[in-house]
Amino acid sequence: MQRSLLLISLIAVCNAESLDLTRKTVTQSSTWCDNPTQNKDEYSANKAIDGKTETCSHTKGENSSWWNIDLLGVYDISSVTIYNKNSNNGNIDKAQIHISNSRRDNFTANSKYINITDFKMQQYNNYSVNASGRYITVFSSALKFIVVCEININATKKASPFKLITQDKTWVEALEHCRDKNMELASIINEETQAWAELEAMNAVSAHVWLGLRYTCTLNFWFWISDHVVKFDRWDPERNTTNNCDESAVMRKSDYLWVPTPDGEKHNFICSKDTFQ
């Protein structure tokens, strides 16, 4: 059994590819400015993925500075490599590399992270990660600049268990549609399935998408129609907490929070191709 698990792990690492990052989304906590006439893009976040080692992203020196890349998919990430040219703030030793599926807490909530140690400028610093996630964040909680001149990521994309249906239907109609296609309305049971659902909702043509989360008046609780208990949630904290009969949950496209909604409204919806254990 141990040999089998080791073989699977080795196969995943060997199959990992260097990702093309040019179409990914990058952001950072702030942008350094060293003179009033500076080009506003000179130290922007995208400089870390422009293929040029002489141009760098550069934040201001602040507490909790960060640089982030949204891979626009969930990936098995094997390694992250960072190159910084020799500069005053280029040594990012003692910062961290976070892998997560959440945008909360500067992309560090419930993340797996490794510490950046023995960082050397003017060379490629490779860090083994072996974690799954959508977001990669170079982060420091201390008062520090975050500089990234070039970053490379070796990873393999994971298949989404969800399928967005861009038809407006009531909750019951959406449920019937999924089941007619041998699927089920989506259940979100952890950060990873939330990330997958967000990726599907990005392409919705309605402002909300139905999920497989329903309220029962008889028993006075919310439940996933896949029979999962609601342990993980992303409810809108400002939602109306007075639950009504004939309500189900939608994911709001603008911020991906969940909102109780009357079943009769018509929205796009997400079907689940897989049953989660």
C-alpha atoms as a PDB file:
ATOM      1  CA  MET A   1       0.000   0.000   0.000  1.00  0.00           C
ATOM      2  CA  GLN A   2       2.787   2.433   0.938  1.00  0.00           C
ATOM      3  CA  ARG A   3       4.602   1.633  -2.309  1.00  0.00           C
ATOM      4  CA  SER A   4       1.409   2.315  -4.279  1.00  0.00           C
ATOM      5  CA  LEU A   5       0.914   5.697  -2.608  1.00  0.00           C
ATOM      6  CA  LEU A   6       4.554   6.579  -3.237  1.00  0.00           C
ATOM      7  CA  LEU A   7       4.204   5.608  -6.909  1.00  0.00           C
ATOM      8  CA  ILE A   8       1.056   7.755  -7.286  1.00  0.00           C
ATOM      9  CA  SER A   9       2.861  10.699  -5.671  1.00  0.00           C
ATOM     10  CA  LEU A  10       5.867  10.288  -7.969  1.00  0.00           C
ATOM     11  CA  ILE A  11       3.644  10.086 -11.048  1.00  0.00           C
ATOM     12  CA  ALA A  12       1.886  13.344 -10.053  1.00  0.00           C
ATOM     13  CA  VAL A  13       5.231  15.113  -9.601  1.00  0.00           C
ATOM     14  CA  CYS A  14       6.596  13.796 -12.906  1.00  0.00           C
ATOM     15  CA  ASN A  15       3.447  14.871 -14.768  1.00  0.00           C
ATOM     16  CA  ALA A  16       3.587  18.420 -13.388  1.00  0.00           C
ATOM     17  CA  GLU A  17       4.275  21.029 -16.060  1.00  0.00           C
ATOM     18  CA  SER A  18       5.677  24.534 -15.926  1.00  0.00           C
ATOM     19  CA  LEU A  19       2.560  26.683 -16.196  1.00  0.00           C
ATOM     20  CA  ASP A  20       2.084  29.493 -18.694  1.00  0.00           C
ATOM     21  CA  LEU A  21       1.287  32.311 -16.282  1.00  0.00           C
ATOM     22  CA  THR A  22       0.743  35.087 -18.819  1.00  0.00           C
ATOM     23  CA  ARG A  23      -3.062  34.705 -18.764  1.00  0.00           C
ATOM     24  CA  LYS A  24      -3.395  34.302 -15.015  1.00  0.00           C
ATOM     25  CA  THR A  25      -4.537  37.083 -12.691  1.00  0.00           C
ATOM     26  CA  VAL A  26      -1.965  38.722 -10.413  1.00  0.00           C
ATOM     27  CA  THR A  27      -2.412  41.274  -7.633  1.00  0.00           C
ATOM     28  CA  GLN A  28      -0.378  42.663  -4.761  1.00  0.00           C
ATOM     29  CA  SER A  29      -1.062  44.457  -1.498  1.00  0.00           C
ATOM     30  CA  SER A  30       0.433  47.768  -2.688  1.00  0.00           C
ATOM     31  CA  THR A  31       2.805  49.103  -5.339  1.00  0.00           C
ATOM     32  CA  TRP A  32       6.123  50.743  -4.541  1.00  0.00           C
ATOM     33  CA  CYS A  33       6.769  54.252  -5.852  1.00  0.00           C
ATOM     34  CA  ASP A  34      10.287  55.678  -5.673  1.00  0.00           C
ATOM     35  CA  ASN A  35       9.684  58.967  -7.507  1.00  0.00           C
ATOM     36  CA  PRO A  36       6.693  61.148  -8.534  1.00  0.00           C
ATOM     37  CA  THR A  37       7.305  60.692 -12.279  1.00  0.00           C
ATOM     38  CA  GLN A  38       7.519  56.889 -12.082  1.00  0.00           C
ATOM     39  CA  ASN A  39       5.556  54.844 -14.607  1.00  0.00           C
ATOM     40  CA  LYS A  40       2.618  53.453 -12.611  1.00  0.00           C
ATOM     41  CA  ASP A  41       3.277  49.967 -14.035  1.00  0.00           C
ATOM     42  CA  GLU A  42       7.000  49.930 -13.241  1.00  0.00           C
ATOM     43  CA  TYR A  43       6.615  47.788 -10.110  1.00  0.00           C
ATOM     44  CA  SER A  44       3.163  46.319 -10.758  1.00  0.00           C
ATOM     45  CA  ALA A  45       2.222  42.734  -9.882  1.00  0.00           C
ATOM     46  CA  ASN A  46       2.388  41.531 -13.489  1.00  0.00           C
ATOM     47  CA  LYS A  47       6.138  42.210 -13.658  1.00  0.00           C
ATOM     48  CA  ALA A  48       6.639  38.884 -11.861  1.00  0.00           C
ATOM     49  CA  ILE A  49       5.189  36.969 -14.814  1.00  0.00           C
ATOM     50  CA  ASP A  50       6.458  38.985 -17.796  1.00  0.00           C
ATOM     51  CA  GLY A  51       9.372  36.613 -18.508  1.00  0.00           C
ATOM     52  CA  LYS A  52      11.981  39.277 -17.745  1.00  0.00           C
ATOM     53  CA  THR A  53      14.287  38.866 -14.749  1.00  0.00           C
ATOM     54  CA  GLU A  54      15.259  42.554 -14.787  1.00  0.00           C
ATOM     55  CA  THR A  55      11.701  43.805 -14.136  1.00  0.00           C
ATOM     56  CA  CYS A  56      10.140  43.153 -10.732  1.00  0.00           C
ATOM     57  CA  SER A  57       6.894  43.466  -8.849  1.00  0.00           C
ATOM     58  CA  HIS A  58       7.499  45.464  -5.676  1.00  0.00           C
ATOM     59  CA  THR A  59       5.172  46.313  -2.782  1.00  0.00           C
ATOM     60  CA  LYS A  60       5.559  49.063  -0.248  1.00  0.00           C
ATOM     61  CA  GLY A  61       7.261  48.155   3.031  1.00  0.00           C
ATOM     62  CA  GLU A  62       4.226  47.322   5.159  1.00  0.00           C
ATOM     63  CA  ASN A  63       2.988  44.756   7.622  1.00  0.00           C
ATOM     64  CA  SER A  64       1.271  41.841   5.884  1.00  0.00           C
ATOM     65  CA  SER A  65       2.582  42.633   2.418  1.00  0.00           C
ATOM     66  CA  TRP A  66       1.763  40.102  -0.285  1.00  0.00           C
ATOM     67  CA  TRP A  67       1.956  39.217  -3.963  1.00  0.00           C
ATOM     68  CA  ASN A  68      -0.672  36.802  -5.333  1.00  0.00           C
ATOM     69  CA  ILE A  69      -1.462  34.832  -8.449  1.00  0.00           C
ATOM     70  CA  ASP A  70      -4.901  33.379  -9.187  1.00  0.00           C
ATOM     71  CA  LEU A  71      -4.338  30.270 -11.320  1.00  0.00           C
ATOM     72  CA  LEU A  72      -7.994  30.376 -12.431  1.00  0.00           C
ATOM     73  CA  GLY A  73      -8.249  26.670 -11.699  1.00  0.00           C
ATOM     74  CA  VAL A  74      -7.463  24.223  -8.904  1.00  0.00           C
ATOM     75  CA  TYR A  75      -4.034  22.661  -9.327  1.00  0.00           C
ATOM     76  CA  ASP A  76      -1.805  20.059  -7.717  1.00  0.00           C
ATOM     77  CA  ILE A  77       1.260  22.250  -7.227  1.00  0.00           C
ATOM     78  CA  SER A  78       4.619  20.537  -6.921  1.00  0.00           C
ATOM     79  CA  SER A  79       7.055  23.469  -6.781  1.00  0.00           C
ATOM     80  CA  VAL A  80       7.441  27.248  -6.904  1.00  0.00           C
ATOM     81  CA  THR A  81      10.613  28.925  -8.164  1.00  0.00           C
ATOM     82  CA  ILE A  82      11.418  32.600  -7.512  1.00  0.00           C
ATOM     83  CA  TYR A  83      14.180  34.718  -9.032  1.00  0.00           C
ATOM     84  CA  ASN A  84      15.068  38.175  -7.725  1.00  0.00           C
ATOM     85  CA  LYS A  85      17.787  40.383  -9.097  1.00  0.00           C
ATOM     86  CA  ASN A  86      20.284  41.972  -6.747  1.00  0.00           C
ATOM     87  CA  SER A  87      18.520  45.009  -5.242  1.00  0.00           C
ATOM     88  CA  ASN A  88      18.015  46.734  -1.900  1.00  0.00           C
ATOM     89  CA  ASN A  89      14.746  44.939  -1.119  1.00  0.00           C
ATOM     90  CA  GLY A  90      15.159  41.816  -3.246  1.00  0.00           C
ATOM     91  CA  ASN A  91      16.003  39.415  -0.426  1.00  0.00           C
ATOM     92  CA  ILE A  92      12.647  37.957   0.664  1.00  0.00           C
ATOM     93  CA  ASP A  93      14.131  35.509   3.162  1.00  0.00           C
ATOM     94  CA  LYS A  94      11.673  34.659   5.988  1.00  0.00           C
ATOM     95  CA  ALA A  95       8.628  35.431   3.874  1.00  0.00           C
ATOM     96  CA  GLN A  96       6.245  32.549   3.124  1.00  0.00           C
ATOM     97  CA  ILE A  97       4.662  30.872   0.103  1.00  0.00           C
ATOM     98  CA  HIS A  98       0.986  30.094   0.756  1.00  0.00           C
ATOM     99  CA  ILE A  99      -1.185  27.719  -1.287  1.00  0.00           C
ATOM    100  CA  SER A 100      -4.917  28.170  -0.744  1.00  0.00           C
ATOM    101  CA  ASN A 101      -8.407  28.091  -2.225  1.00  0.00           C
ATOM    102  CA  SER A 102      -9.651  31.153  -0.363  1.00  0.00           C
ATOM    103  CA  ARG A 103      -9.310  34.913  -0.845  1.00  0.00           C
ATOM    104  CA  ARG A 104      -9.877  35.527   2.865  1.00  0.00           C
ATOM    105  CA  ASP A 105      -7.098  36.878   5.104  1.00  0.00           C
ATOM    106  CA  ASN A 106      -5.001  38.007   2.127  1.00  0.00           C
ATOM    107  CA  PHE A 107      -5.327  34.584   0.475  1.00  0.00           C
ATOM    108  CA  THR A 108      -3.813  32.818   3.518  1.00  0.00           C
ATOM    109  CA  ALA A 109      -6.934  31.384   5.221  1.00  0.00           C
ATOM    110  CA  ASN A 110      -6.699  27.607   5.686  1.00  0.00           C
ATOM    111  CA  SER A 111      -3.605  27.564   3.522  1.00  0.00           C
ATOM    112  CA  LYS A 112      -0.651  25.251   3.375  1.00  0.00           C
ATOM    113  CA  TYR A 113       2.560  27.238   3.496  1.00  0.00           C
ATOM    114  CA  ILE A 114       6.303  26.870   3.418  1.00  0.00           C
ATOM    115  CA  ASN A 115       8.880  29.282   4.780  1.00  0.00           C
ATOM    116  CA  ILE A 116      11.278  30.928   2.359  1.00  0.00           C
ATOM    117  CA  THR A 117      14.750  30.206   3.712  1.00  0.00           C
ATOM    118  CA  ASP A 118      18.288  30.698   2.442  1.00  0.00           C
ATOM    119  CA  PHE A 119      16.995  32.944  -0.341  1.00  0.00           C
ATOM    120  CA  LYS A 120      19.706  34.096  -2.743  1.00  0.00           C
ATOM    121  CA  MET A 121      19.419  36.939  -5.214  1.00  0.00           C
ATOM    122  CA  GLN A 122      20.682  36.553  -8.792  1.00  0.00           C
ATOM    123  CA  GLN A 123      19.663  32.894  -8.880  1.00  0.00           C
ATOM    124  CA  TYR A 124      16.541  30.740  -9.079  1.00  0.00           C
ATOM    125  CA  ASN A 125      15.314  29.608  -5.657  1.00  0.00           C
ATOM    126  CA  ASN A 126      13.214  26.435  -5.903  1.00  0.00           C
ATOM    127  CA  TYR A 127      10.761  25.418  -3.178  1.00  0.00           C
ATOM    128  CA  SER A 128       8.921  22.080  -3.110  1.00  0.00           C
ATOM    129  CA  VAL A 129       5.290  22.623  -2.177  1.00  0.00           C
ATOM    130  CA  ASN A 130       3.227  19.491  -2.941  1.00  0.00           C
ATOM    131  CA  ALA A 131      -0.128  21.094  -2.168  1.00  0.00           C
ATOM    132  CA  SER A 132      -3.416  21.670  -3.949  1.00  0.00           C
ATOM    133  CA  GLY A 133      -4.949  25.086  -4.510  1.00  0.00           C
ATOM    134  CA  ARG A 134      -6.095  27.931  -6.725  1.00  0.00           C
ATOM    135  CA  TYR A 135      -4.071  30.785  -5.227  1.00  0.00           C
ATOM    136  CA  ILE A 136      -0.326  31.119  -4.652  1.00  0.00           C
ATOM    137  CA  THR A 137       0.723  33.984  -2.391  1.00  0.00           C
ATOM    138  CA  VAL A 138       4.133  35.268  -1.360  1.00  0.00           C
ATOM    139  CA  PHE A 139       3.363  36.768   2.042  1.00  0.00           C
ATOM    140  CA  SER A 140       5.035  38.334   5.032  1.00  0.00           C
ATOM    141  CA  SER A 141       3.303  39.263   8.283  1.00  0.00           C
ATOM    142  CA  ALA A 142       6.319  41.356   9.309  1.00  0.00           C
ATOM    143  CA  LEU A 143       7.183  44.851   8.136  1.00  0.00           C
ATOM    144  CA  LYS A 144       8.668  43.915   4.799  1.00  0.00           C
ATOM    145  CA  PHE A 145       8.762  44.629   1.076  1.00  0.00           C
ATOM    146  CA  ILE A 146       7.631  41.768  -1.165  1.00  0.00           C
ATOM    147  CA  VAL A 147       9.643  41.751  -4.378  1.00  0.00           C
ATOM    148  CA  VAL A 148       9.201  39.107  -7.096  1.00  0.00           C
ATOM    149  CA  CYS A 149      11.163  39.527 -10.341  1.00  0.00           C
ATOM    150  CA  GLU A 150      10.205  36.191 -11.871  1.00  0.00           C
ATOM    151  CA  ILE A 151       8.140  33.258 -10.641  1.00  0.00           C
ATOM    152  CA  ASN A 152       7.720  29.803 -12.166  1.00  0.00           C
ATOM    153  CA  ILE A 153       5.160  27.234 -11.054  1.00  0.00           C
ATOM    154  CA  ASN A 154       5.145  23.505 -11.742  1.00  0.00           C
ATOM    155  CA  ALA A 155       1.640  22.081 -11.402  1.00  0.00           C
ATOM    156  CA  THR A 156      -1.056  19.837 -12.848  1.00  0.00           C
ATOM    157  CA  LYS A 157      -4.623  21.068 -13.287  1.00  0.00           C
ATOM    158  CA  LYS A 158      -7.328  19.107 -11.468  1.00  0.00           C
ATOM    159  CA  ALA A 159     -10.602  18.318 -13.209  1.00  0.00           C
ATOM    160  CA  SER A 160     -13.622  20.244 -11.914  1.00  0.00           C
ATOM    161  CA  PRO A 161     -16.446  18.130 -10.469  1.00  0.00           C
ATOM    162  CA  PHE A 162     -18.962  20.848 -11.428  1.00  0.00           C
ATOM    163  CA  LYS A 163     -20.732  22.003 -14.578  1.00  0.00           C
ATOM    164  CA  LEU A 164     -22.373  25.409 -14.977  1.00  0.00           C
ATOM    165  CA  ILE A 165     -25.734  25.450 -16.761  1.00  0.00           C
ATOM    166  CA  THR A 166     -26.410  28.893 -18.243  1.00  0.00           C
ATOM    167  CA  GLN A 167     -30.175  28.510 -18.306  1.00  0.00           C
ATOM    168  CA  ASP A 168     -32.500  30.335 -15.922  1.00  0.00           C
ATOM    169  CA  LYS A 169     -34.622  27.874 -13.968  1.00  0.00           C
ATOM    170  CA  THR A 170     -36.365  27.658 -10.602  1.00  0.00           C
ATOM    171  CA  TRP A 171     -34.610  25.624  -7.938  1.00  0.00           C
ATOM    172  CA  VAL A 172     -36.841  22.574  -8.535  1.00  0.00           C
ATOM    173  CA  GLU A 173     -36.403  22.848 -12.305  1.00  0.00           C
ATOM    174  CA  ALA A 174     -32.635  23.094 -11.857  1.00  0.00           C
ATOM    175  CA  LEU A 175     -32.650  20.004  -9.636  1.00  0.00           C
ATOM    176  CA  GLU A 176     -34.659  18.062 -12.210  1.00  0.00           C
ATOM    177  CA  HIS A 177     -32.354  19.181 -15.026  1.00  0.00           C
ATOM    178  CA  CYS A 178     -29.236  17.974 -13.185  1.00  0.00           C
ATOM    179  CA  ARG A 179     -30.833  14.640 -12.321  1.00  0.00           C
ATOM    180  CA  ASP A 180     -32.047  14.138 -15.903  1.00  0.00           C
ATOM    181  CA  LYS A 181     -28.375  14.399 -16.899  1.00  0.00           C
ATOM    182  CA  ASN A 182     -27.319  11.890 -14.189  1.00  0.00           C
ATOM    183  CA  MET A 183     -25.922  14.691 -12.058  1.00  0.00           C
ATOM    184  CA  GLU A 184     -26.990  16.506  -8.896  1.00  0.00           C
ATOM    185  CA  LEU A 185     -27.210  20.142  -7.844  1.00  0.00           C
ATOM    186  CA  ALA A 186     -23.805  21.106  -6.465  1.00  0.00           C
ATOM    187  CA  SER A 187     -22.842  20.496  -2.851  1.00  0.00           C
ATOM    188  CA  ILE A 188     -20.031  22.605  -1.402  1.00  0.00           C
ATOM    189  CA  ILE A 189     -18.369  20.770   1.448  1.00  0.00           C
ATOM    190  CA  ASN A 190     -14.946  22.445   1.806  1.00  0.00           C
ATOM    191  CA  GLU A 191     -12.659  25.212   0.529  1.00  0.00           C
ATOM    192  CA  GLU A 192     -11.776  23.269  -2.617  1.00  0.00           C
ATOM    193  CA  THR A 193     -15.355  22.680  -3.736  1.00  0.00           C
ATOM    194  CA  GLN A 194     -16.109  26.344  -2.950  1.00  0.00           C
ATOM    195  CA  ALA A 195     -13.207  27.305  -5.236  1.00  0.00           C
ATOM    196  CA  TRP A 196     -14.525  25.097  -8.033  1.00  0.00           C
ATOM    197  CA  ALA A 197     -18.021  26.562  -7.643  1.00  0.00           C
ATOM    198  CA  GLU A 198     -16.623  30.109  -7.777  1.00  0.00           C
ATOM    199  CA  LEU A 199     -14.783  29.282 -10.999  1.00  0.00           C
ATOM    200  CA  GLU A 200     -18.041  28.054 -12.544  1.00  0.00           C
ATOM    201  CA  ALA A 201     -20.040  31.038 -11.249  1.00  0.00           C
ATOM    202  CA  MET A 202     -17.576  33.440 -12.913  1.00  0.00           C
ATOM    203  CA  ASN A 203     -19.078  32.452 -16.270  1.00  0.00           C
ATOM    204  CA  ALA A 204     -22.738  32.663 -15.248  1.00  0.00           C
ATOM    205  CA  VAL A 205     -25.057  34.967 -17.188  1.00  0.00           C
ATOM    206  CA  SER A 206     -27.246  35.539 -14.130  1.00  0.00           C
ATOM    207  CA  ALA A 207     -26.252  37.448 -10.993  1.00  0.00           C
ATOM    208  CA  HIS A 208     -26.842  34.334  -8.860  1.00  0.00           C
ATOM    209  CA  VAL A 209     -26.481  30.590  -9.337  1.00  0.00           C
ATOM    210  CA  TRP A 210     -28.479  27.872  -7.582  1.00  0.00           C
ATOM    211  CA  LEU A 211     -26.716  25.399  -5.285  1.00  0.00           C
ATOM    212  CA  GLY A 212     -28.015  22.135  -3.891  1.00  0.00           C
ATOM    213  CA  LEU A 213     -28.597  23.657  -0.447  1.00  0.00           C
ATOM    214  CA  ARG A 214     -32.184  23.699   0.835  1.00  0.00           C
ATOM    215  CA  TYR A 215     -34.038  24.712   3.980  1.00  0.00           C
ATOM    216  CA  THR A 216     -36.518  22.427   5.687  1.00  0.00           C
ATOM    217  CA  CYS A 217     -39.245  24.103   7.724  1.00  0.00           C
ATOM    218  CA  THR A 218     -40.221  20.850   9.399  1.00  0.00           C
ATOM    219  CA  LEU A 219     -36.804  20.227  10.932  1.00  0.00           C
ATOM    220  CA  ASN A 220     -35.633  23.858  10.918  1.00  0.00           C
ATOM    221  CA  PHE A 221     -32.210  23.410   9.342  1.00  0.00           C
ATOM    222  CA  TRP A 222     -30.316  23.682   6.048  1.00  0.00           C
ATOM    223  CA  PHE A 223     -29.156  20.529   4.277  1.00  0.00           C
ATOM    224  CA  TRP A 224     -27.361  19.522   1.102  1.00  0.00           C
ATOM    225  CA  ILE A 225     -29.529  17.379  -1.150  1.00  0.00           C
ATOM    226  CA  SER A 226     -26.534  15.051  -1.510  1.00  0.00           C
ATOM    227  CA  ASP A 227     -27.104  14.249   2.215  1.00  0.00           C
ATOM    228  CA  HIS A 228     -23.977  16.065   3.383  1.00  0.00           C
ATOM    229  CA  VAL A 229     -24.246  17.896   6.685  1.00  0.00           C
ATOM    230  CA  VAL A 230     -23.588  21.641   6.414  1.00  0.00           C
ATOM    231  CA  LYS A 231     -20.235  21.931   8.198  1.00  0.00           C
ATOM    232  CA  PHE A 232     -18.520  24.337   5.795  1.00  0.00           C
ATOM    233  CA  ASP A 233     -20.322  27.518   4.739  1.00  0.00           C
ATOM    234  CA  ARG A 234     -19.919  30.861   3.013  1.00  0.00           C
ATOM    235  CA  TRP A 235     -23.154  32.554   4.054  1.00  0.00           C
ATOM    236  CA  ASP A 236     -23.439  36.296   3.536  1.00  0.00           C
ATOM    237  CA  PRO A 237     -22.996  37.628   7.101  1.00  0.00           C
ATOM    238  CA  GLU A 238     -25.605  40.314   6.378  1.00  0.00           C
ATOM    239  CA  ARG A 239     -28.242  37.883   5.130  1.00  0.00           C
ATOM    240  CA  ASN A 240     -31.738  37.702   6.601  1.00  0.00           C
ATOM    241  CA  THR A 241     -31.444  34.947   9.213  1.00  0.00           C
ATOM    242  CA  THR A 242     -35.225  34.507   9.478  1.00  0.00           C
ATOM    243  CA  ASN A 243     -35.570  31.436   7.290  1.00  0.00           C
ATOM    244  CA  ASN A 244     -38.743  30.820   5.337  1.00  0.00           C
ATOM    245  CA  CYS A 245     -40.270  27.730   3.829  1.00  0.00           C
ATOM    246  CA  ASP A 246     -39.564  27.141   0.129  1.00  0.00           C
ATOM    247  CA  GLU A 247     -36.088  28.657   0.312  1.00  0.00           C
ATOM    248  CA  SER A 248     -32.850  27.382  -1.162  1.00  0.00           C
ATOM    249  CA  ALA A 249     -29.374  28.878  -1.477  1.00  0.00           C
ATOM    250  CA  VAL A 250     -27.752  30.748  -4.340  1.00  0.00           C
ATOM    251  CA  MET A 251     -24.138  31.792  -4.766  1.00  0.00           C
ATOM    252  CA  ARG A 252     -23.927  35.486  -5.546  1.00  0.00           C
ATOM    253  CA  LYS A 253     -21.654  36.090  -8.535  1.00  0.00           C
ATOM    254  CA  SER A 254     -20.304  39.427  -7.291  1.00  0.00           C
ATOM    255  CA  ASP A 255     -18.661  38.048  -4.144  1.00  0.00           C
ATOM    256  CA  TYR A 256     -19.397  34.268  -4.176  1.00  0.00           C
ATOM    257  CA  LEU A 257     -21.235  34.383  -0.854  1.00  0.00           C
ATOM    258  CA  TRP A 258     -24.344  32.251  -0.264  1.00  0.00           C
ATOM    259  CA  VAL A 259     -27.753  33.889   0.077  1.00  0.00           C
ATOM    260  CA  PRO A 260     -31.154  32.337   1.014  1.00  0.00           C
ATOM    261  CA  THR A 261     -33.530  32.815  -1.918  1.00  0.00           C
ATOM    262  CA  PRO A 262     -37.152  31.870  -2.691  1.00  0.00           C
ATOM    263  CA  ASP A 263     -37.293  28.664  -4.746  1.00  0.00           C
ATOM    264  CA  GLY A 264     -39.454  30.243  -7.443  1.00  0.00           C
ATOM    265  CA  GLU A 265     -36.796  32.687  -8.663  1.00  0.00           C
ATOM    266  CA  LYS A 266     -35.018  31.720 -11.865  1.00  0.00           C
ATOM    267  CA  HIS A 267     -31.218  31.589 -12.073  1.00  0.00           C
ATOM    268  CA  ASN A 268     -28.362  29.722 -13.696  1.00  0.00           C
ATOM    269  CA  PHE A 269     -27.220  26.725 -11.666  1.00  0.00           C
ATOM    270  CA  ILE A 270     -24.304  24.401 -11.012  1.00  0.00           C
ATOM    271  CA  CYS A 271     -24.586  20.643 -11.390  1.00  0.00           C
ATOM    272  CA  SER A 272     -22.183  18.217  -9.728  1.00  0.00           C
ATOM    273  CA  LYS A 273     -20.675  15.461 -11.847  1.00  0.00           C
ATOM    274  CA  ASP A 274     -19.173  13.737  -8.793  1.00  0.00           C
ATOM    275  CA  THR A 275     -20.431  12.472  -5.446  1.00  0.00           C
ATOM    276  CA  PHE A 276     -18.152  13.598  -2.625  1.00  0.00           C
ATOM    277  CA  GLN A 277     -17.408  11.287   0.269  1.00  0.00           C
END
